[in-house]
Amino acid sequence: MDYRLFGRTGVKVAPLALGTANFGRPTPEEESERILNEALDAGINLIDTANAYAGGESERIIGRVLARNGKRDQVFLATKVHFPTGPGPNDRGNSRLHVMQACEASLRRLQVDHIDLYQLHRPDPQTPIEETLSALTDLVRQGKVRYVGCSTFPAWGVMEALLTSELRGLVRFASEQPPYNLLDRRIENELVPLAQAHELALIPWSPMAMGILAGRYDDERAYPTGSRAALEGGIYAERVTARGIALGRAFSQVAQEAGLSAAQLAILWVKDQPGITAPLVGPRTLDQLEHLLPVLKMKLPADVRQACDALVPPGSAAVNFHNTAPWMKMAVT
């Protein structure tokens, strides 16, 4: 296994990470357990969840599975805080109050005494970053968190946090988890160079573009059963566009000529892009995971990389996967 350094932490992770947003909804616990155990057996050690996934059920499932299999020490366990966890005005955001309360709740659901990577799920413009980093620093000093990171932050927001950490002697972000796939390459403009310069791990979400690059969608108005667009609608349905579907078809042809499935090439393309530590794969079924595991040992050929660049040029976007980031103002047409 070609393990990669996680930023400048010294921690080593597999070049693919397991995303668990499907655990508990729609994937039942029994299948989730099979997926998690198969991933660990294959050498994947970064397991990513969030307190918002399935109302906390994703964390609970992971906690129960790790308690049963006794493999907690093999896992670099990551979760997140930010989105609402209750009806109250303080049951959300990145305030000290919410971060501290949410961490305790995640520890209980996960049945662990510490979280390896605690991430801010989104920026909170109403809370100064110094307050949030101060709370995260206290969690690290208490031994409840090992490292901290962020998700879907603008490059300037990551840099502001790094500078604040340096000036105030606070815990430093080890990673950023952005949306990144062939259909939305905008992180290549600023975030990737920033991460490379300051030794931040990048663990992208939605590397298969929600299945668009895997050929799951034939019609922008008809969603396949079990897809996020069908189950959730809203922000997920917004990403299914005629242009994206057309590019997905062309991408499938590139994959076929390379002797790969479209799903495998989508993951491989992200895995082997400059600055990327490990894309998150979020299978709904064990079969889906097993189909992607060979990518762990694959390398992206130069001619295939060039063919992908011809479809969507570097730094550009054909579909908006930043539509959960209010700070992103660029329209995708």
Foldseek 3Di string as FASTA:
>chain_A
DPWDDAFPPRDTFFQAAAEALCDPPPFDLVQVLVQVVVCVVLRGAEYEEECPRNLNNSLLSQLVSCVVVVCPVSHLYEYEFADANDDDPLRGHQALVNVVVVLVVSCVSNVHQAHAEYEYAAHDPVDPLLRNQVSVQVCCVVVRYPAYAYELYPLVVLVVNQVSCVVVVTGHHQAYEYADWLQAQQCLVRVLVSCVVRRHAYAYEPLCLQCLLQLQDDDLVDHDPPGCCVVPNDPSSQQRDPLSNVLSVVLQVLQVVVVAGSVQVSLLLQSADPRHNHYHDHDSGSVVSVNNSVSSPDHDDPVSNVSSCVSPPHNHHQGDPSVVHVVDDDDHD
